[in-house]
Amino acid sequence: MELLPQVERARLEASPCLAESNEFAVYALGNDTYALVHRHQAVPWQAVTFSGDALFRVNQLLATAARTLYRDVAAELSPRRQAEKAAEGPRSA
């Protein structure tokens, strides 16, 4: 794993883009190395590289974190929690 505080876009143009969203992309750099790239227009592109094995491990960690976040949000939006909030009344600032 390597943190790349600034990535040359030309290096990535020669690499296959495996997945992308509006600000992030995963590129295959070769030799079992993949880069998760933050591609924001306002800042230099940054990346972190992973081996194929590490990519699977990080994926599992992110999935676990996402499930935890989902449960927290779902619990906050549940009908029971909404009823509790309504019973508490408005909060004073």
C-alpha atoms as a PDB file:
ATOM      1  CA  MET A   1       0.000   0.000   0.000  1.00  0.00           C
ATOM      2  CA  GLU A   2       1.294   3.393  -0.932  1.00  0.00           C
ATOM      3  CA  LEU A   3      -0.188   6.851  -0.459  1.00  0.00           C
ATOM      4  CA  LEU A   4       0.291   9.072  -3.491  1.00  0.00           C
ATOM      5  CA  PRO A   5      -0.406  12.688  -2.481  1.00  0.00           C
ATOM      6  CA  GLN A   6      -0.323  13.752  -6.134  1.00  0.00           C
ATOM      7  CA  VAL A   7      -0.991  11.519  -9.146  1.00  0.00           C
ATOM      8  CA  GLU A   8       0.026  12.331 -12.699  1.00  0.00           C
ATOM      9  CA  ARG A   9      -3.078  12.029 -14.839  1.00  0.00           C
ATOM     10  CA  ALA A  10      -0.981  10.890 -17.813  1.00  0.00           C
ATOM     11  CA  ARG A  11       0.054   7.764 -15.861  1.00  0.00           C
ATOM     12  CA  LEU A  12      -3.586   6.876 -15.306  1.00  0.00           C
ATOM     13  CA  GLU A  13      -4.628   7.482 -18.923  1.00  0.00           C
ATOM     14  CA  ALA A  14      -2.588   4.413 -19.904  1.00  0.00           C
ATOM     15  CA  SER A  15      -4.222   2.289 -17.184  1.00  0.00           C
ATOM     16  CA  PRO A  16      -7.653   0.643 -17.399  1.00  0.00           C
ATOM     17  CA  CYS A  17     -10.309   2.334 -15.269  1.00  0.00           C
ATOM     18  CA  LEU A  18     -12.207  -0.498 -13.561  1.00  0.00           C
ATOM     19  CA  ALA A  19     -14.843   1.550 -11.736  1.00  0.00           C
ATOM     20  CA  GLU A  20     -15.665   5.195 -11.290  1.00  0.00           C
ATOM     21  CA  SER A  21     -18.057   7.643  -9.707  1.00  0.00           C
ATOM     22  CA  ASN A  22     -18.153  11.414  -9.891  1.00  0.00           C
ATOM     23  CA  GLU A  23     -15.061  11.899  -7.668  1.00  0.00           C
ATOM     24  CA  PHE A  24     -13.468   8.469  -7.266  1.00  0.00           C
ATOM     25  CA  ALA A  25     -12.112   5.813  -9.593  1.00  0.00           C
ATOM     26  CA  VAL A  26     -10.233   2.519  -9.369  1.00  0.00           C
ATOM     27  CA  TYR A  27      -7.468   1.948 -11.900  1.00  0.00           C
ATOM     28  CA  ALA A  28      -5.516  -1.228 -12.637  1.00  0.00           C
ATOM     29  CA  LEU A  29      -1.854  -0.226 -12.656  1.00  0.00           C
ATOM     30  CA  GLY A  30      -0.470  -3.676 -13.498  1.00  0.00           C
ATOM     31  CA  ASN A  31       1.587  -6.142 -11.465  1.00  0.00           C
ATOM     32  CA  ASP A  32      -1.416  -6.864  -9.199  1.00  0.00           C
ATOM     33  CA  THR A  33      -1.581  -3.197  -8.169  1.00  0.00           C
ATOM     34  CA  TYR A  34      -4.735  -1.090  -8.091  1.00  0.00           C
ATOM     35  CA  ALA A  35      -5.177   2.594  -7.287  1.00  0.00           C
ATOM     36  CA  LEU A  36      -8.167   4.207  -5.619  1.00  0.00           C
ATOM     37  CA  VAL A  37      -7.979   7.754  -6.980  1.00  0.00           C
ATOM     38  CA  HIS A  38      -9.656  10.881  -5.651  1.00  0.00           C
ATOM     39  CA  ARG A  39     -10.322  12.854  -8.851  1.00  0.00           C
ATOM     40  CA  HIS A  40     -11.652  16.194  -7.669  1.00  0.00           C
ATOM     41  CA  GLN A  41     -11.346  19.105 -10.083  1.00  0.00           C
ATOM     42  CA  ALA A  42     -10.327  21.638  -7.422  1.00  0.00           C
ATOM     43  CA  VAL A  43      -7.334  19.742  -6.009  1.00  0.00           C
ATOM     44  CA  PRO A  44      -4.498  17.632  -7.387  1.00  0.00           C
ATOM     45  CA  TRP A  45      -5.567  14.031  -7.870  1.00  0.00           C
ATOM     46  CA  GLN A  46      -4.559  11.797  -4.955  1.00  0.00           C
ATOM     47  CA  ALA A  47      -4.474   8.019  -4.672  1.00  0.00           C
ATOM     48  CA  VAL A  48      -3.793   5.050  -2.490  1.00  0.00           C
ATOM     49  CA  THR A  49      -2.559   1.836  -4.061  1.00  0.00           C
ATOM     50  CA  PHE A  50      -3.490  -1.707  -3.059  1.00  0.00           C
ATOM     51  CA  SER A  51      -2.531  -5.202  -4.068  1.00  0.00           C
ATOM     52  CA  GLY A  52      -5.356  -7.388  -5.330  1.00  0.00           C
ATOM     53  CA  ASP A  53      -5.553  -9.166  -1.966  1.00  0.00           C
ATOM     54  CA  ALA A  54      -5.594  -5.878  -0.075  1.00  0.00           C
ATOM     55  CA  LEU A  55      -8.356  -4.609  -2.359  1.00  0.00           C
ATOM     56  CA  PHE A  56     -10.568  -7.526  -1.275  1.00  0.00           C
ATOM     57  CA  ARG A  57      -9.734  -6.926   2.394  1.00  0.00           C
ATOM     58  CA  VAL A  58     -10.426  -3.186   2.195  1.00  0.00           C
ATOM     59  CA  ASN A  59     -13.659  -3.931   0.340  1.00  0.00           C
ATOM     60  CA  GLN A  60     -14.795  -6.105   3.252  1.00  0.00           C
ATOM     61  CA  LEU A  61     -13.921  -3.381   5.764  1.00  0.00           C
ATOM     62  CA  LEU A  62     -15.829  -0.743   3.783  1.00  0.00           C
ATOM     63  CA  ALA A  63     -18.843  -3.057   3.432  1.00  0.00           C
ATOM     64  CA  THR A  64     -18.877  -3.605   7.202  1.00  0.00           C
ATOM     65  CA  ALA A  65     -18.607   0.141   7.845  1.00  0.00           C
ATOM     66  CA  ALA A  66     -21.401   0.833   5.337  1.00  0.00           C
ATOM     67  CA  ARG A  67     -23.682  -1.711   7.014  1.00  0.00           C
ATOM     68  CA  THR A  68     -23.015  -0.081  10.389  1.00  0.00           C
ATOM     69  CA  LEU A  69     -23.779   3.355   8.966  1.00  0.00           C
ATOM     70  CA  TYR A  70     -26.948   2.018   7.322  1.00  0.00           C
ATOM     71  CA  ARG A  71     -28.147   0.480  10.596  1.00  0.00           C
ATOM     72  CA  ASP A  72     -27.513   3.748  12.445  1.00  0.00           C
ATOM     73  CA  VAL A  73     -29.407   5.778   9.850  1.00  0.00           C
ATOM     74  CA  ALA A  74     -32.234   3.231   9.614  1.00  0.00           C
ATOM     75  CA  ALA A  75     -32.578   3.169  13.398  1.00  0.00           C
ATOM     76  CA  GLU A  76     -32.773   6.971  13.497  1.00  0.00           C
ATOM     77  CA  LEU A  77     -35.483   6.953  10.820  1.00  0.00           C
ATOM     78  CA  SER A  78     -37.494   4.102  12.302  1.00  0.00           C
ATOM     79  CA  PRO A  79     -41.143   4.809  13.220  1.00  0.00           C
ATOM     80  CA  ARG A  80     -40.345   4.098  16.873  1.00  0.00           C
ATOM     81  CA  ARG A  81     -37.513   6.654  16.968  1.00  0.00           C
ATOM     82  CA  GLN A  82     -39.663   9.202  15.119  1.00  0.00           C
ATOM     83  CA  ALA A  83     -42.390   8.742  17.748  1.00  0.00           C
ATOM     84  CA  GLU A  84     -39.822   9.190  20.543  1.00  0.00           C
ATOM     85  CA  LYS A  85     -38.571  12.403  18.930  1.00  0.00           C
ATOM     86  CA  ALA A  86     -42.120  13.710  18.597  1.00  0.00           C
ATOM     87  CA  ALA A  87     -42.768  12.932  22.275  1.00  0.00           C
ATOM     88  CA  GLU A  88     -39.588  14.803  23.294  1.00  0.00           C
ATOM     89  CA  GLY A  89     -40.842  17.937  21.586  1.00  0.00           C
ATOM     90  CA  PRO A  90     -38.726  20.667  19.999  1.00  0.00           C
ATOM     91  CA  ARG A  91     -35.240  21.188  21.362  1.00  0.00           C
ATOM     92  CA  SER A  92     -34.239  24.615  22.554  1.00  0.00           C
ATOM     93  CA  ALA A  93     -31.022  26.052  21.131  1.00  0.00           C
END
